[in-house]
Amino acid sequence: MTAHMSLSQNLTRPTLSLQERIEGTKLSRVFAEFVSTSALFPILDAIRVITATDLKSYLAEPVHYILFGAAFFQAWFLGTAKQNSWQERFVGNLLGFSLYAIFDMVIEGPDFFSASYHWLFGIFSLMMAILGAAQVLADNRPGWSTVITLLLNATKVALFPAMYFIAEQELAGASMLDGGAWQEFMSNNGHQFIVVGILFFGVLLGLAEAQRINTAGQLRYLANRLKKYSEWSLDPGLIETSIDNPNKLALQRVEKTMLFMDIRGFTAWSEKADPQAVVDMLNKFYNAADKIIRRHNGHKPNFTADEIMTRFADAQSALDTAQELQQALTPLLSPFNLKVGIGLNTGEVIEGLMGSSSTRKYDIIGDAVNTAKRLESSAGRGEIVMSAATYQMLTRRPKRIALRSLQVKGKSEKLEAIAVLPPAAGV
């Protein structure tokens, strides 16, 4: 019970990423592969040997450790497979037997092939390899997927009566390869009950497993779609932390450096341009800006027509982003005779979810935001204009600047601002 709780706590610990919550952790996938498939034969073989001899004799044989080691290696390969292709499933399900056979043949030599349970292990592994590969290929075909899942579970449970048959044959000193051995085994009513009952139980397990796989697949698909939609408006890191701590989305006072950017001349140009051409240009504009903002750890940007707004934890990252945006967007907008103006301001804002009970948005509000917008409005084509507060917090100040005193809307006093000038020609 304690071990089970420890594993459960490990799989649901708060440090899990959102993708791990959806797909499962590496440890959980390896564990599932080990207990559901890879360790089936080693465990039944251990039961066979211990009941025929004793635990001490079993533990004294090195080959048994090799068998479990090979099973774990197989589970690790399958549980950590990146693509989960049918080729990986086929090769992976043969790894345990292949590794065990190589090591055991070094110890036993040709006698390896005389052991009935070795033949059973090889046949079982081949069946699991074929059915495992087929399960991947039938992933998008519900009917075939159910049939293959039934066969997989029937094959797994069939291993128990097969191992029981071998154990009885060994105790009787008979060979499993004897053609009449199986018929004689099945002539016993008790044996018939065991074989038929286990196979029926396997079918029931297969039906339950098929239903579980179908439900889990739908949940994973839904979770991935919701994750994708959420990340369109919220940072992935914010989504992940808010799952364990919803207070992360609550309104709070923070200091941020806001960046507003707007395309100069966009309205006049868009009135004359084809609507599809406008949309195509804006999408290229958004994509280029978004990549640069993410590279500098900026917050998920807000796109409003030709305007982009984002914020940063520090002033230097904001200026570095603004300069790179000017450099990268100039060749994109030049064919349309367009350029951007950028405004930066640092100050205290209120950040978090805001809105009605049914419609909310993670946003920021405050005078510092309004000031950043006013600075952006004052920026000319290709200019970056920042407040004195932002300039004072820079760790690397630009060399070419111009001081400006701006009378902006909503301010009774003039606003001291610094415009970053483009590099001089030839520099």
Protein backbone atom coordinates (compact mmCIF):
# COMPACT_ATOMS: atom_id res chain seq x y z
CA MET A 1 0.00 0.00 0.00
CA THR A 2 2.81 2.40 0.92
CA ALA A 3 4.69 1.65 -2.31
CA HIS A 4 1.52 2.23 -4.33
CA MET A 5 0.91 5.58 -2.63
CA SER A 6 4.51 6.64 -3.23
CA LEU A 7 4.22 5.86 -6.93
CA SER A 8 0.87 7.67 -7.18
CA GLN A 9 2.27 10.71 -5.43
CA ASN A 10 5.29 10.68 -7.74
CA LEU A 11 3.09 10.57 -10.83
CA THR A 12 0.90 13.45 -9.64
CA ARG A 13 3.58 15.66 -8.10
CA PRO A 14 3.18 19.40 -8.79
CA THR A 15 6.44 19.55 -10.77
CA LEU A 16 4.96 17.59 -13.68
CA SER A 17 4.72 19.49 -16.94
CA LEU A 18 1.36 19.79 -18.67
CA GLN A 19 2.50 17.44 -21.43
CA GLU A 20 3.54 14.83 -18.83
CA ARG A 21 0.11 15.07 -17.24
CA ILE A 22 -1.48 14.36 -20.62
CA GLU A 23 0.88 11.66 -21.93
CA GLY A 24 2.25 10.29 -18.64
CA THR A 25 5.75 10.56 -17.23
CA LYS A 26 8.66 8.50 -18.48
CA LEU A 27 8.63 6.55 -15.21
CA SER A 28 4.91 5.80 -15.41
CA ARG A 29 5.17 4.62 -19.04
CA VAL A 30 8.12 2.34 -18.27
CA PHE A 31 6.35 0.94 -15.19
CA ALA A 32 3.17 0.28 -17.21
CA GLU A 33 5.13 -1.55 -19.93
CA PHE A 34 7.00 -3.62 -17.33
CA VAL A 35 3.99 -4.86 -15.34
CA SER A 36 1.61 -5.25 -18.29
CA THR A 37 3.84 -7.03 -20.80
CA SER A 38 7.60 -7.25 -20.34
CA ALA A 39 7.59 -8.90 -16.91
CA LEU A 40 4.75 -11.37 -17.55
CA PHE A 41 6.96 -14.27 -18.64
CA PRO A 42 9.70 -13.68 -16.01
CA ILE A 43 7.11 -13.61 -13.21
CA LEU A 44 5.31 -16.77 -14.36
CA ASP A 45 8.64 -18.48 -14.91
CA ALA A 46 9.65 -17.56 -11.37
CA ILE A 47 6.42 -19.09 -10.05
CA ARG A 48 7.05 -22.24 -12.11
CA VAL A 49 10.59 -22.71 -10.79
CA ILE A 50 9.83 -21.84 -7.16
CA THR A 51 6.85 -24.19 -6.96
CA ALA A 52 8.90 -26.98 -8.53
CA THR A 53 11.95 -26.40 -6.28
CA ASP A 54 12.16 -23.60 -3.71
CA LEU A 55 12.90 -19.88 -3.48
CA LYS A 56 16.53 -20.39 -2.49
CA SER A 57 17.24 -22.49 -5.58
CA TYR A 58 15.57 -19.91 -7.79
CA LEU A 59 17.62 -17.05 -6.38
CA ALA A 60 20.84 -19.02 -6.82
CA GLU A 61 20.49 -19.13 -10.63
CA PRO A 62 22.09 -16.10 -12.42
CA VAL A 63 19.93 -16.60 -15.53
CA HIS A 64 16.85 -15.54 -13.61
CA TYR A 65 18.40 -12.13 -12.90
CA ILE A 66 19.31 -11.86 -16.57
CA LEU A 67 15.70 -12.61 -17.48
CA PHE A 68 14.33 -9.80 -15.31
CA GLY A 69 17.09 -7.44 -16.44
CA ALA A 70 16.21 -8.08 -20.09
CA ALA A 71 12.53 -7.51 -19.28
CA PHE A 72 13.32 -4.16 -17.67
CA PHE A 73 15.47 -3.10 -20.63
CA GLN A 74 12.57 -3.94 -22.94
CA ALA A 75 10.14 -1.94 -20.79
CA TRP A 76 12.54 1.01 -20.75
CA PHE A 77 12.90 0.95 -24.53
CA LEU A 78 9.13 0.80 -25.11
CA GLY A 79 8.26 3.27 -22.35
CA THR A 80 10.71 5.93 -23.56
CA ALA A 81 10.14 5.50 -27.30
CA LYS A 82 9.70 8.99 -28.77
CA GLN A 83 7.66 8.20 -31.85
CA ASN A 84 5.84 5.03 -30.71
CA SER A 85 5.95 3.75 -34.29
CA TRP A 86 4.96 0.22 -35.29
CA GLN A 87 8.64 -0.54 -35.96
CA GLU A 88 9.57 0.47 -32.39
CA ARG A 89 6.76 -1.66 -30.95
CA PHE A 90 7.79 -4.68 -33.03
CA VAL A 91 11.51 -4.48 -32.21
CA GLY A 92 10.87 -3.48 -28.60
CA ASN A 93 8.68 -6.48 -27.81
CA LEU A 94 11.44 -8.81 -29.06
CA LEU A 95 14.22 -7.13 -27.06
CA GLY A 96 13.62 -9.01 -23.80
CA PHE A 97 13.73 -12.44 -25.39
CA SER A 98 16.65 -11.54 -27.67
CA LEU A 99 18.85 -10.24 -24.85
CA TYR A 100 17.95 -13.14 -22.58
CA ALA A 101 18.63 -15.67 -25.34
CA ILE A 102 22.06 -14.18 -26.12
CA PHE A 103 23.22 -14.22 -22.49
CA ASP A 104 21.68 -17.59 -21.65
CA MET A 105 23.18 -19.30 -24.72
CA VAL A 106 26.61 -18.15 -23.52
CA ILE A 107 25.90 -19.98 -20.24
CA GLU A 108 23.95 -23.02 -21.45
CA GLY A 109 25.16 -23.36 -25.03
CA PRO A 110 23.02 -25.44 -27.40
CA ASP A 111 20.97 -26.74 -24.44
CA PHE A 112 19.12 -23.43 -24.54
CA PHE A 113 16.93 -24.74 -27.39
CA SER A 114 16.01 -27.91 -25.55
CA ALA A 115 14.07 -26.06 -22.85
CA SER A 116 10.32 -25.95 -23.55
CA TYR A 117 9.84 -22.67 -21.69
CA HIS A 118 12.44 -20.99 -23.94
CA TRP A 119 10.35 -21.88 -26.99
CA LEU A 120 7.26 -20.56 -25.22
CA PHE A 121 9.06 -17.31 -24.37
CA GLY A 122 10.11 -16.84 -28.00
CA ILE A 123 6.65 -17.54 -29.40
CA PHE A 124 5.00 -15.27 -26.82
CA SER A 125 7.45 -12.44 -27.61
CA LEU A 126 6.88 -12.79 -31.36
CA MET A 127 3.10 -12.69 -30.87
CA MET A 128 3.38 -9.57 -28.71
CA ALA A 129 5.67 -7.95 -31.30
CA ILE A 130 3.23 -8.60 -34.16
CA LEU A 131 0.14 -7.55 -32.20
CA GLY A 132 1.91 -4.51 -30.68
CA ALA A 133 2.90 -3.29 -34.14
CA ALA A 134 -0.60 -3.97 -35.45
CA GLN A 135 -2.11 -1.99 -32.56
CA VAL A 136 -0.13 1.10 -33.58
CA LEU A 137 -1.12 0.68 -37.24
CA ALA A 138 -4.80 0.34 -36.25
CA ASP A 139 -4.75 3.36 -33.96
CA ASN A 140 -7.23 5.36 -36.08
CA ARG A 141 -9.44 2.36 -36.91
CA PRO A 142 -11.67 1.70 -33.87
CA GLY A 143 -12.95 -1.69 -35.10
CA TRP A 144 -9.53 -3.15 -35.84
CA SER A 145 -8.07 -1.57 -32.74
CA THR A 146 -10.65 -3.37 -30.57
CA VAL A 147 -9.98 -6.74 -32.25
CA ILE A 148 -6.21 -6.39 -31.81
CA THR A 149 -6.62 -5.32 -28.18
CA LEU A 150 -8.73 -8.46 -27.56
CA LEU A 151 -6.03 -10.64 -29.17
CA LEU A 152 -3.30 -8.93 -27.13
CA ASN A 153 -5.06 -9.59 -23.84
CA ALA A 154 -5.99 -13.13 -24.85
CA THR A 155 -2.32 -13.80 -25.69
CA LYS A 156 -1.20 -12.43 -22.33
CA VAL A 157 -3.59 -14.53 -20.25
CA ALA A 158 -2.94 -17.60 -22.44
CA LEU A 159 0.63 -17.49 -21.14
CA PHE A 160 -0.60 -18.77 -17.76
CA PRO A 161 -2.15 -22.09 -18.94
CA ALA A 162 0.75 -22.55 -21.37
CA MET A 163 3.24 -22.22 -18.52
CA TYR A 164 1.09 -24.53 -16.37
CA PHE A 165 1.12 -27.10 -19.18
CA ILE A 166 4.93 -26.91 -19.41
CA ALA A 167 5.27 -27.29 -15.64
CA GLU A 168 3.13 -30.41 -15.66
CA GLN A 169 5.06 -31.84 -18.59
CA GLU A 170 8.36 -31.25 -16.82
CA LEU A 171 7.10 -32.89 -13.63
CA ALA A 172 5.91 -35.87 -15.68
CA GLY A 173 9.22 -36.01 -17.56
CA ALA A 174 7.43 -35.61 -20.89
CA SER A 175 8.26 -33.34 -23.81
CA MET A 176 6.10 -30.38 -24.77
CA LEU A 177 6.82 -31.23 -28.39
CA ASP A 178 5.02 -34.54 -28.05
CA GLY A 179 2.00 -34.29 -30.39
CA GLY A 180 -0.37 -36.02 -28.00
CA ALA A 181 0.70 -34.16 -24.89
CA TRP A 182 -1.67 -31.26 -25.36
CA GLN A 183 -4.63 -33.50 -26.19
CA GLU A 184 -3.96 -35.53 -23.07
CA PHE A 185 -3.63 -32.34 -21.03
CA MET A 186 -6.97 -31.03 -22.32
CA SER A 187 -8.75 -34.33 -21.67
CA ASN A 188 -8.79 -33.37 -18.01
CA ASN A 189 -11.96 -31.45 -17.13
CA GLY A 190 -10.09 -29.32 -14.63
CA HIS A 191 -7.58 -28.31 -17.27
CA GLN A 192 -10.38 -27.48 -19.70
CA PHE A 193 -11.96 -25.23 -17.09
CA ILE A 194 -8.65 -23.44 -16.47
CA VAL A 195 -7.87 -22.87 -20.17
CA VAL A 196 -11.37 -21.84 -21.28
CA GLY A 197 -11.98 -19.76 -18.16
CA ILE A 198 -8.70 -17.88 -18.51
CA LEU A 199 -9.26 -17.22 -22.22
CA PHE A 200 -12.77 -15.93 -21.48
CA PHE A 201 -11.32 -13.75 -18.73
CA GLY A 202 -8.77 -12.47 -21.25
CA VAL A 203 -11.55 -11.48 -23.65
CA LEU A 204 -13.31 -9.57 -20.85
CA LEU A 205 -10.04 -7.83 -19.98
CA GLY A 206 -9.56 -7.02 -23.66
CA LEU A 207 -13.00 -5.42 -23.92
CA ALA A 208 -12.34 -3.35 -20.80
CA GLU A 209 -8.89 -2.41 -22.11
CA ALA A 210 -10.30 -1.43 -25.52
CA GLN A 211 -12.84 0.82 -23.79
CA ARG A 212 -10.10 2.33 -21.60
CA ILE A 213 -7.83 2.96 -24.60
CA ASN A 214 -10.68 4.59 -26.52
CA THR A 215 -11.63 6.82 -23.58
CA ALA A 216 -8.00 7.70 -22.81
CA GLY A 217 -7.40 8.53 -26.47
CA GLN A 218 -10.38 10.85 -26.57
CA LEU A 219 -9.29 12.52 -23.32
CA ARG A 220 -5.72 12.97 -24.62
CA TYR A 221 -7.04 14.43 -27.88
CA LEU A 222 -9.33 16.80 -25.99
CA ALA A 223 -6.59 17.78 -23.53
CA ASN A 224 -4.12 18.49 -26.33
CA ARG A 225 -6.66 20.58 -28.22
CA LEU A 226 -7.55 22.56 -25.08
CA LYS A 227 -3.83 22.99 -24.35
CA LYS A 228 -3.27 24.34 -27.85
CA TYR A 229 -6.22 26.73 -27.64
CA SER A 230 -5.17 27.93 -24.16
CA GLU A 231 -1.61 28.61 -25.31
CA TRP A 232 -2.93 30.93 -28.00
CA SER A 233 -3.77 33.45 -25.28
CA LEU A 234 -1.77 32.36 -22.21
CA ASP A 235 1.89 31.51 -21.74
CA PRO A 236 2.51 27.73 -21.39
CA GLY A 237 4.38 28.30 -18.14
CA LEU A 238 1.48 30.27 -16.69
CA ILE A 239 -0.99 27.54 -17.67
CA GLU A 240 1.11 24.83 -16.02
CA THR A 241 1.66 26.70 -12.75
CA SER A 242 -1.99 27.76 -12.53
CA ILE A 243 -3.15 24.11 -12.66
CA ASP A 244 -1.57 23.47 -9.25
CA ASN A 245 -1.96 27.04 -7.98
CA PRO A 246 -5.04 28.85 -9.37
CA ASN A 247 -3.99 31.95 -7.39
CA LYS A 248 -1.33 32.52 -10.06
CA LEU A 249 -4.12 33.93 -12.24
CA ALA A 250 -5.50 36.20 -9.51
CA LEU A 251 -5.09 39.98 -9.80
CA GLN A 252 -1.80 41.17 -8.34
CA ARG A 253 0.46 44.23 -8.38
CA VAL A 254 3.65 43.71 -10.38
CA GLU A 255 6.28 45.85 -12.04
CA LYS A 256 6.58 45.29 -15.77
CA THR A 257 8.02 46.96 -18.85
CA MET A 258 5.28 47.33 -21.44
CA LEU A 259 5.92 47.29 -25.18
CA PHE A 260 3.42 48.68 -27.68
CA MET A 261 4.07 48.45 -31.41
CA ASP A 262 1.95 49.78 -34.27
CA ILE A 263 2.38 49.85 -38.06
CA ARG A 264 2.67 53.43 -39.31
CA GLY A 265 0.48 54.11 -42.37
CA PHE A 266 -1.41 50.82 -42.04
CA THR A 267 -4.93 52.29 -42.14
CA ALA A 268 -4.36 54.24 -45.37
CA TRP A 269 -2.65 51.28 -47.01
CA SER A 270 -5.27 48.71 -45.95
CA GLU A 271 -8.13 50.82 -47.34
CA LYS A 272 -6.69 50.46 -50.84
CA ALA A 273 -5.27 46.92 -50.58
CA ASP A 274 -7.07 43.62 -51.22
CA PRO A 275 -8.47 42.25 -47.90
CA GLN A 276 -6.75 38.89 -48.41
CA ALA A 277 -3.42 40.66 -49.00
CA VAL A 278 -3.94 42.60 -45.76
CA VAL A 279 -4.62 39.39 -43.82
CA ASP A 280 -1.60 37.63 -45.34
CA MET A 281 0.68 40.53 -44.47
CA LEU A 282 -0.64 40.76 -40.90
CA ASN A 283 -0.14 37.02 -40.33
CA LYS A 284 3.49 37.30 -41.46
CA PHE A 285 3.85 40.38 -39.23
CA TYR A 286 2.38 38.52 -36.22
CA ASN A 287 4.50 35.40 -36.77
CA ALA A 288 7.75 37.31 -37.10
CA ALA A 289 7.02 39.46 -34.03
CA ASP A 290 5.84 36.51 -31.92
CA LYS A 291 9.06 34.55 -32.51
CA ILE A 292 11.22 37.49 -31.46
CA ILE A 293 9.10 38.25 -28.37
CA ARG A 294 9.19 34.60 -27.24
CA ARG A 295 12.96 34.45 -27.79
CA HIS A 296 13.37 37.34 -25.33
CA ASN A 297 10.94 35.76 -22.79
CA GLY A 298 8.22 38.30 -23.37
CA HIS A 299 4.64 37.64 -22.32
CA LYS A 300 2.23 36.18 -24.86
CA PRO A 301 1.52 39.19 -27.13
CA ASN A 302 -1.92 40.68 -27.74
CA PHE A 303 -2.72 41.26 -31.41
CA THR A 304 -5.23 44.00 -32.21
CA ALA A 305 -5.35 44.76 -35.94
CA ASP A 306 -1.90 46.23 -36.69
CA GLU A 307 -1.02 46.77 -33.02
CA ILE A 308 0.97 44.40 -30.80
CA MET A 309 1.24 44.70 -27.02
CA THR A 310 3.37 42.61 -24.68
CA ARG A 311 5.35 43.01 -21.46
CA PHE A 312 8.63 41.95 -19.93
CA ALA A 313 10.02 41.33 -16.47
CA ASP A 314 12.91 43.76 -17.08
CA ALA A 315 13.57 46.86 -19.16
CA GLN A 316 16.65 45.54 -20.97
CA SER A 317 14.78 42.57 -22.45
CA ALA A 318 12.07 44.94 -23.67
CA LEU A 319 14.57 47.24 -25.42
CA ASP A 320 16.49 44.30 -26.94
CA THR A 321 13.19 42.98 -28.28
CA ALA A 322 12.18 46.39 -29.66
CA GLN A 323 15.48 46.80 -31.50
CA GLU A 324 15.30 43.31 -32.97
CA LEU A 325 11.69 43.90 -34.01
CA GLN A 326 12.67 47.06 -35.87
CA GLN A 327 15.51 45.25 -37.62
CA ALA A 328 13.49 42.15 -38.56
CA LEU A 329 10.23 43.82 -39.56
CA THR A 330 11.74 46.53 -41.76
CA PRO A 331 12.37 44.23 -44.77
CA LEU A 332 8.95 42.60 -44.27
CA LEU A 333 7.07 45.93 -44.34
CA SER A 334 9.25 47.90 -46.78
CA PRO A 335 7.55 46.50 -49.93
CA PHE A 336 4.33 48.12 -48.69
CA ASN A 337 6.08 51.37 -47.71
CA LEU A 338 5.25 50.67 -44.07
CA LYS A 339 7.26 50.81 -40.82
CA VAL A 340 6.56 50.32 -37.12
CA GLY A 341 6.71 52.67 -34.19
CA ILE A 342 7.42 51.26 -30.73
CA GLY A 343 6.83 52.62 -27.22
CA LEU A 344 8.30 51.32 -23.95
CA ASN A 345 7.41 52.17 -20.36
CA THR A 346 8.17 50.61 -16.98
CA GLY A 347 5.91 50.83 -13.95
CA GLU A 348 3.53 49.14 -11.56
CA VAL A 349 0.45 47.50 -13.07
CA ILE A 350 -2.38 45.18 -12.04
CA GLU A 351 -2.03 41.81 -13.78
CA GLY A 352 -4.33 38.80 -13.77
CA LEU A 353 -7.70 37.50 -14.92
CA MET A 354 -10.30 40.21 -15.36
CA GLY A 355 -13.73 40.33 -16.92
CA SER A 356 -17.24 39.06 -16.27
CA SER A 357 -18.31 35.78 -14.66
CA SER A 358 -18.53 34.14 -18.10
CA THR A 359 -15.87 35.98 -20.11
CA ARG A 360 -12.40 36.62 -18.75
CA LYS A 361 -9.02 37.56 -20.10
CA TYR A 362 -5.56 37.52 -18.55
CA ASP A 363 -4.49 41.13 -18.96
CA ILE A 364 -2.80 44.14 -17.38
CA ILE A 365 -4.16 47.54 -16.49
CA GLY A 366 -2.73 50.70 -15.01
CA ASP A 367 -1.40 54.15 -15.77
CA ALA A 368 1.95 52.64 -16.79
CA VAL A 369 0.16 50.75 -19.59
CA ASN A 370 -1.56 53.90 -20.82
CA THR A 371 1.74 55.77 -20.78
CA ALA A 372 3.41 53.06 -22.89
CA LYS A 373 0.61 53.42 -25.42
CA ARG A 374 1.06 57.20 -25.51
CA LEU A 375 4.80 56.78 -26.09
CA GLU A 376 4.13 54.39 -28.96
CA SER A 377 1.72 56.92 -30.51
CA SER A 378 4.47 59.55 -30.41
CA ALA A 379 7.03 57.28 -32.10
CA GLY A 380 7.68 58.00 -35.77
CA ARG A 381 8.29 55.49 -38.53
CA GLY A 382 11.07 53.12 -37.42
CA GLU A 383 11.44 54.77 -34.01
CA ILE A 384 11.61 53.40 -30.47
CA VAL A 385 10.50 55.84 -27.78
CA MET A 386 10.88 54.97 -24.09
CA SER A 387 10.13 56.69 -20.81
CA ALA A 388 12.85 57.99 -18.51
CA ALA A 389 11.85 55.27 -16.00
CA THR A 390 12.65 52.57 -18.55
CA TYR A 391 15.88 54.24 -19.63
CA GLN A 392 17.15 54.40 -16.02
CA MET A 393 16.67 50.63 -15.58
CA LEU A 394 18.70 49.61 -18.64
CA THR A 395 21.93 47.70 -18.09
CA ARG A 396 23.14 48.51 -21.64
CA ARG A 397 22.08 51.93 -22.82
CA PRO A 398 21.88 52.78 -26.53
CA LYS A 399 24.50 55.20 -27.84
CA ARG A 400 22.35 57.18 -30.26
CA ILE A 401 19.41 58.78 -28.46
CA ALA A 402 17.41 61.99 -28.55
CA LEU A 403 15.65 63.56 -25.57
CA ARG A 404 12.05 64.58 -26.03
CA SER A 405 9.48 66.36 -23.91
CA LEU A 406 6.00 65.14 -24.83
CA GLN A 407 2.59 66.50 -24.00
CA VAL A 408 0.48 63.36 -23.97
CA LYS A 409 -3.24 62.86 -23.48
CA GLY A 410 -4.25 62.38 -19.87
CA LYS A 411 -1.11 64.00 -18.43
CA SER A 412 -1.08 67.54 -17.06
CA GLU A 413 2.70 67.72 -17.16
CA LYS A 414 4.98 66.98 -20.05
CA LEU A 415 6.47 63.49 -20.23
CA GLU A 416 10.24 63.17 -20.51
CA ALA A 417 11.05 60.54 -23.13
CA ILE A 418 14.07 59.11 -24.92
CA ALA A 419 13.97 58.20 -28.61
CA VAL A 420 16.41 55.54 -29.81
CA LEU A 421 17.87 56.69 -33.10
CA PRO A 422 18.76 54.22 -35.88
CA PRO A 423 22.48 53.57 -36.47
CA ALA A 424 24.24 56.24 -38.50
CA ALA A 425 24.91 55.45 -42.14
CA GLY A 426 28.03 53.35 -42.57
CA VAL A 427 28.09 52.30 -38.91
